[in-house]
Amino acid sequence: MASVTWFDRFAVLLDLFYILKAAIPPTMSATCRQPTLLVHPRRLQDVFFQNVWAFMGDSVDAAGAETKQALLPAAYGVVLEIGAGHGHSCKYLDTTRVTRYIALEPNTEMHERIAANAVKAGFEPAQIQMIACGAEETDKILEALGGEQVDTLVSILSLCGIPDVKKSVAGLTDKVIKPGGVFLFYEHVRCEPSPTLAWWQAVWTPIWEPILGCRLDKPTHHIIDALDIWEDRKLEGKVPEEPPNLFWHRVGRYRKKL
C-alpha cells in the first residue's frame, strides 16, 4: 500500500474551501430576497445545501459514473431512492424495468431538479413521486406509498448523512422493501485499508459534518451487512478500483429473504 501523503490527510480542507466559496454567495442572495430565512434555520440550511449540490452534484455524479453504470441497471419495479439529491441516479436506471421512481428527499429545494432529471432520463411524470421526509420516518414513507412496499431500495452517497443510520436502515429494509426485493447502495465509508486515513476521517468529521451533513468515518456497509434479513449479498469496491482515501467507497447488492 502506498504511503499516506500530507495531501491525502488535508485534501478535505481544499474541498471545503471551494464548496463554501461556491455556496455562500447564492445563499446570501437568497437570504436578501427572503429575509424570513434567517428565522427559519432549517429552510436556510436547505437553501445552502441546494447551492452546495448545484456546485458539486455533477462532478460527484461523474466521479461515480462507472460504479453506478454497473450497479443501478439491477434496479427493477418500484424504486425508492434514499436522499435523491438532484436525481442524478435516474439516468442509470433501466426505464424498461423500472415502473416507478420515488425520490425520498426531505429537502424540497431539490425536488424541481429531481423531477427534471427523471423526465430527462425517460420517466413519464406519472411515474415520478417525491416524498419529503426523513429516512427514519418509515410510517410516513409507507403512508406516502399507499401502504405498498417497493421492489428496489437505492442509496447513493446518502446514508452518511442519516444521524441514526442503523435504525433507519433497519426500518427501511424491514418495512419498506418487499420480501425478495433488492437494496443497491454506493456509499463512502470508514477507510478500513488505512488506519491512518480512518483516523483522519474521524478528525475531520466534526468539521465536515456541520457544514455538509455527513460523517466521513461511518461504517455503513457493516451496519447493512449485519442485518439478518438477507438471502443474497455482494459487497465490493468502487469501479474502477480506488486507492485508500478520505472518501473511500463500498458498493452493495443485497437481496431480502422471501
Protein backbone atom coordinates (compact mmCIF):
# COMPACT_ATOMS: atom_id res chain seq x y z
CA MET A 1 0.00 0.00 0.00
CA ALA A 2 1.29 3.46 -0.89
CA SER A 3 2.23 5.73 1.98
CA VAL A 4 -0.28 8.36 3.08
CA THR A 5 0.79 11.83 1.97
CA TRP A 6 0.06 15.13 3.66
CA PHE A 7 -2.24 15.96 0.76
CA ASP A 8 -4.20 12.75 1.46
CA ARG A 9 -4.64 13.89 5.04
CA PHE A 10 -5.60 17.51 4.35
CA ALA A 11 -7.37 17.41 0.95
CA VAL A 12 -10.73 17.76 2.71
CA LEU A 13 -9.85 21.35 3.63
CA LEU A 14 -9.42 22.26 -0.02
CA ASP A 15 -12.79 20.67 -0.79
CA LEU A 16 -14.42 22.71 1.97
CA PHE A 17 -12.85 25.93 0.70
CA TYR A 18 -14.25 25.52 -2.82
CA ILE A 19 -17.65 24.33 -1.58
CA LEU A 20 -18.10 27.29 0.75
CA LYS A 21 -16.81 29.71 -1.88
CA ALA A 22 -19.43 28.43 -4.32
CA ALA A 23 -22.40 28.03 -1.95
CA ILE A 24 -22.24 31.02 0.40
CA PRO A 25 -22.81 33.85 -2.15
CA PRO A 26 -26.04 32.41 -3.65
CA THR A 27 -27.26 31.54 -0.15
CA MET A 28 -26.68 35.13 0.95
CA SER A 29 -28.52 36.36 -2.15
CA ALA A 30 -31.46 34.10 -1.33
CA THR A 31 -31.48 35.47 2.22
CA CYS A 32 -31.59 39.04 0.89
CA ARG A 33 -34.58 38.10 -1.26
CA GLN A 34 -36.25 36.15 1.57
CA PRO A 35 -35.19 37.65 4.92
CA THR A 36 -37.53 35.26 6.75
CA LEU A 37 -34.96 32.52 6.07
CA LEU A 38 -32.97 33.99 8.95
CA VAL A 39 -35.66 32.92 11.43
CA HIS A 40 -36.14 29.50 9.81
CA PRO A 41 -32.76 27.76 10.19
CA ARG A 42 -33.93 24.51 8.61
CA ARG A 43 -35.11 26.28 5.45
CA LEU A 44 -31.88 28.26 5.31
CA GLN A 45 -29.94 25.02 5.63
CA ASP A 46 -31.94 23.53 2.76
CA VAL A 47 -31.19 26.53 0.55
CA PHE A 48 -27.50 26.30 1.42
CA PHE A 49 -27.33 22.60 0.63
CA GLN A 50 -29.21 23.10 -2.64
CA ASN A 51 -26.46 25.55 -3.58
CA VAL A 52 -23.79 23.11 -2.45
CA TRP A 53 -25.26 20.39 -4.64
CA ALA A 54 -25.70 22.77 -7.58
CA PHE A 55 -21.93 23.33 -7.39
CA MET A 56 -20.70 19.78 -6.77
CA GLY A 57 -23.51 17.45 -7.82
CA ASP A 58 -22.43 16.96 -11.43
CA SER A 59 -18.80 16.33 -10.55
CA VAL A 60 -19.71 13.89 -7.76
CA ASP A 61 -22.00 12.09 -10.17
CA ALA A 62 -19.28 11.89 -12.84
CA ALA A 63 -16.76 10.54 -10.31
CA GLY A 64 -19.04 7.58 -9.56
CA ALA A 65 -20.46 7.10 -13.05
CA GLU A 66 -18.77 3.76 -13.82
CA THR A 67 -19.84 2.35 -10.47
CA LYS A 68 -23.45 3.40 -10.97
CA GLN A 69 -23.47 2.13 -14.55
CA ALA A 70 -22.53 -1.29 -13.16
CA LEU A 71 -24.88 -1.16 -10.16
CA LEU A 72 -28.14 0.59 -10.94
CA PRO A 73 -29.40 -1.31 -14.01
CA ALA A 74 -30.17 -4.10 -11.50
CA ALA A 75 -32.98 -1.94 -10.08
CA TYR A 76 -36.48 -3.03 -11.09
CA GLY A 77 -40.16 -2.43 -10.43
CA VAL A 78 -40.97 0.32 -7.93
CA VAL A 79 -37.71 2.05 -6.96
CA LEU A 80 -37.28 4.19 -3.86
CA GLU A 81 -34.08 6.25 -3.68
CA ILE A 82 -32.91 7.48 -0.27
CA GLY A 83 -31.65 11.07 -0.34
CA ALA A 84 -32.14 11.53 -4.07
CA GLY A 85 -30.34 14.89 -4.22
CA HIS A 86 -30.89 16.21 -7.75
CA GLY A 87 -31.93 12.83 -9.17
CA HIS A 88 -28.63 12.07 -10.88
CA SER A 89 -29.26 8.35 -10.37
CA CYS A 90 -32.22 8.34 -12.74
CA LYS A 91 -30.13 8.18 -15.89
CA TYR A 92 -28.51 4.92 -14.76
CA LEU A 93 -31.84 3.14 -14.22
CA ASP A 94 -33.27 0.87 -16.90
CA THR A 95 -36.62 2.51 -17.68
CA THR A 96 -37.82 -0.71 -19.32
CA ARG A 97 -37.52 -2.48 -15.94
CA VAL A 98 -38.48 0.34 -13.55
CA THR A 99 -42.19 1.09 -13.30
CA ARG A 100 -41.99 3.99 -10.79
CA TYR A 101 -39.22 6.21 -9.50
CA ILE A 102 -39.79 7.55 -5.98
CA ALA A 103 -37.39 10.10 -4.53
CA LEU A 104 -37.11 10.22 -0.75
CA GLU A 105 -35.69 13.73 -0.36
CA PRO A 106 -36.54 15.85 2.70
CA ASN A 107 -35.03 18.97 1.09
CA THR A 108 -37.86 20.28 -1.07
CA GLU A 109 -35.44 22.75 -2.68
CA MET A 110 -34.17 19.72 -4.60
CA HIS A 111 -37.50 18.44 -5.93
CA GLU A 112 -37.72 20.50 -9.10
CA ARG A 113 -34.33 19.25 -10.30
CA ILE A 114 -35.16 15.67 -9.35
CA ALA A 115 -38.30 15.77 -11.49
CA ALA A 116 -36.44 17.37 -14.40
CA ASN A 117 -33.67 14.77 -14.32
CA ALA A 118 -36.16 11.91 -14.03
CA VAL A 119 -38.07 13.13 -17.09
CA LYS A 120 -34.79 13.63 -18.95
CA ALA A 121 -33.89 10.02 -18.14
CA GLY A 122 -37.08 8.80 -19.79
CA PHE A 123 -39.64 8.58 -17.00
CA GLU A 124 -43.15 9.91 -17.52
CA PRO A 125 -44.35 12.47 -14.94
CA ALA A 126 -46.93 9.95 -13.71
CA GLN A 127 -44.08 7.55 -12.86
CA ILE A 128 -42.30 10.06 -10.60
CA GLN A 129 -43.10 10.69 -6.95
CA MET A 130 -41.45 12.82 -4.24
CA ILE A 131 -41.54 12.05 -0.53
CA ALA A 132 -40.35 14.91 1.71
CA CYS A 133 -39.46 13.22 4.98
CA GLY A 134 -36.51 11.58 6.67
CA ALA A 135 -35.34 8.01 6.07
CA GLU A 136 -36.14 7.16 9.69
CA GLU A 137 -39.84 8.03 9.22
CA THR A 138 -40.90 4.67 7.82
CA ASP A 139 -44.57 5.13 8.72
CA LYS A 140 -44.73 8.38 6.73
CA ILE A 141 -42.93 6.70 3.83
CA LEU A 142 -45.38 3.79 3.78
CA GLU A 143 -48.29 6.23 4.02
CA ALA A 144 -46.94 8.14 1.00
CA LEU A 145 -46.59 4.81 -0.82
CA GLY A 146 -50.20 3.97 -0.08
CA GLY A 147 -49.12 1.10 2.14
CA GLU A 148 -47.31 -0.65 -0.71
CA GLN A 149 -43.73 -1.87 -0.42
CA VAL A 150 -41.04 -1.28 -3.05
CA ASP A 151 -39.08 -3.71 -5.18
CA THR A 152 -35.80 -1.82 -5.04
CA LEU A 153 -34.23 0.47 -2.46
CA VAL A 154 -31.35 2.63 -3.70
CA SER A 155 -28.88 4.72 -1.71
CA ILE A 156 -26.16 6.73 -3.43
CA LEU A 157 -23.85 8.63 -1.07
CA SER A 158 -26.76 9.29 1.30
CA LEU A 159 -26.53 7.07 4.36
CA CYS A 160 -23.50 9.01 5.61
CA GLY A 161 -25.89 11.90 6.33
CA ILE A 162 -28.51 9.99 8.33
CA PRO A 163 -28.00 10.51 12.08
CA ASP A 164 -29.20 7.08 13.26
CA VAL A 165 -28.38 5.05 10.18
CA LYS A 166 -28.72 1.71 12.00
CA LYS A 167 -32.32 2.41 13.00
CA SER A 168 -33.23 3.96 9.64
CA VAL A 169 -31.79 1.16 7.51
CA ALA A 170 -33.36 -1.48 9.75
CA GLY A 171 -36.77 0.17 9.37
CA LEU A 172 -36.49 0.66 5.63
CA THR A 173 -35.28 -2.84 4.90
CA ASP A 174 -37.79 -4.47 7.24
CA LYS A 175 -40.91 -2.47 6.37
CA VAL A 176 -40.39 -0.78 3.01
CA ILE A 177 -38.63 -3.37 0.81
CA LYS A 178 -40.75 -6.29 -0.36
CA PRO A 179 -39.64 -9.82 0.53
CA GLY A 180 -37.30 -10.78 -2.30
CA GLY A 181 -36.62 -7.13 -3.12
CA VAL A 182 -33.16 -5.64 -3.52
CA PHE A 183 -31.09 -2.96 -1.82
CA LEU A 184 -28.44 -1.31 -4.00
CA PHE A 185 -26.00 1.11 -2.43
CA TYR A 186 -22.83 3.08 -3.20
CA GLU A 187 -21.51 4.87 -0.12
CA HIS A 188 -18.35 6.47 1.18
CA VAL A 189 -17.41 4.76 4.43
CA ARG A 190 -14.65 4.40 7.01
CA CYS A 191 -11.38 3.73 5.19
CA GLU A 192 -10.54 0.34 6.65
CA PRO A 193 -7.47 -0.42 4.47
CA SER A 194 -5.65 2.55 6.03
CA PRO A 195 -5.83 3.05 9.81
CA THR A 196 -4.07 6.38 9.29
CA LEU A 197 -6.75 7.69 6.92
CA ALA A 198 -9.51 6.25 9.11
CA TRP A 199 -8.04 8.30 11.97
CA TRP A 200 -8.01 11.43 9.81
CA GLN A 201 -11.61 10.79 8.77
CA ALA A 202 -12.54 10.87 12.46
CA VAL A 203 -10.52 14.08 12.90
CA TRP A 204 -12.21 15.92 10.04
CA THR A 205 -15.77 14.70 10.62
CA PRO A 206 -16.58 17.27 13.39
CA ILE A 207 -15.73 20.00 10.85
CA TRP A 208 -17.20 18.38 7.75
CA GLU A 209 -20.46 17.13 9.27
CA PRO A 210 -21.89 20.50 10.48
CA ILE A 211 -21.32 22.01 7.03
CA LEU A 212 -22.25 19.16 4.68
CA GLY A 213 -24.30 16.96 6.98
CA CYS A 214 -22.43 13.69 6.61
CA ARG A 215 -19.86 11.67 8.52
CA LEU A 216 -16.65 10.69 6.75
CA ASP A 217 -15.99 7.70 9.00
CA LYS A 218 -19.30 5.86 9.17
CA PRO A 219 -19.03 2.03 8.71
CA THR A 220 -22.31 1.97 6.77
CA HIS A 221 -21.55 -1.24 4.88
CA HIS A 222 -21.10 -3.19 8.12
CA ILE A 223 -24.35 -1.81 9.53
CA ILE A 224 -26.21 -3.05 6.45
CA ASP A 225 -24.39 -6.37 6.33
CA ALA A 226 -25.17 -7.12 9.99
CA LEU A 227 -28.93 -7.19 9.39
CA ASP A 228 -30.28 -10.73 9.50
CA ILE A 229 -32.67 -10.32 6.58
CA TRP A 230 -30.52 -11.01 3.52
CA GLU A 231 -30.81 -14.00 1.24
CA ASP A 232 -28.01 -12.89 -1.08
CA ARG A 233 -25.33 -10.27 -0.53
CA LYS A 234 -22.44 -8.91 -2.53
CA LEU A 235 -20.11 -6.24 -1.16
CA GLU A 236 -17.34 -4.82 -3.31
CA GLY A 237 -15.36 -1.70 -4.16
CA LYS A 238 -15.78 1.21 -6.50
CA VAL A 239 -15.31 0.85 -10.25
CA PRO A 240 -12.52 1.35 -11.18
CA GLU A 241 -10.70 0.21 -8.03
CA GLU A 242 -9.69 3.15 -5.86
CA PRO A 243 -6.75 3.56 -3.51
CA PRO A 244 -7.44 4.28 0.17
CA ASN A 245 -8.57 7.88 0.65
CA LEU A 246 -10.71 10.08 2.89
CA PHE A 247 -13.78 9.26 0.75
CA TRP A 248 -13.32 5.51 0.41
CA HIS A 249 -16.33 3.66 -1.05
CA ARG A 250 -18.17 0.36 -0.75
CA VAL A 251 -20.80 -0.93 -3.15
CA GLY A 252 -23.53 -3.39 -2.19
CA ARG A 253 -26.06 -5.59 -3.95
CA TYR A 254 -28.29 -7.24 -1.35
CA ARG A 255 -31.47 -9.27 -1.75
CA LYS A 256 -34.02 -9.61 1.05
CA LYS A 257 -35.22 -13.02 2.16
CA LEU A 258 -38.62 -14.16 0.90
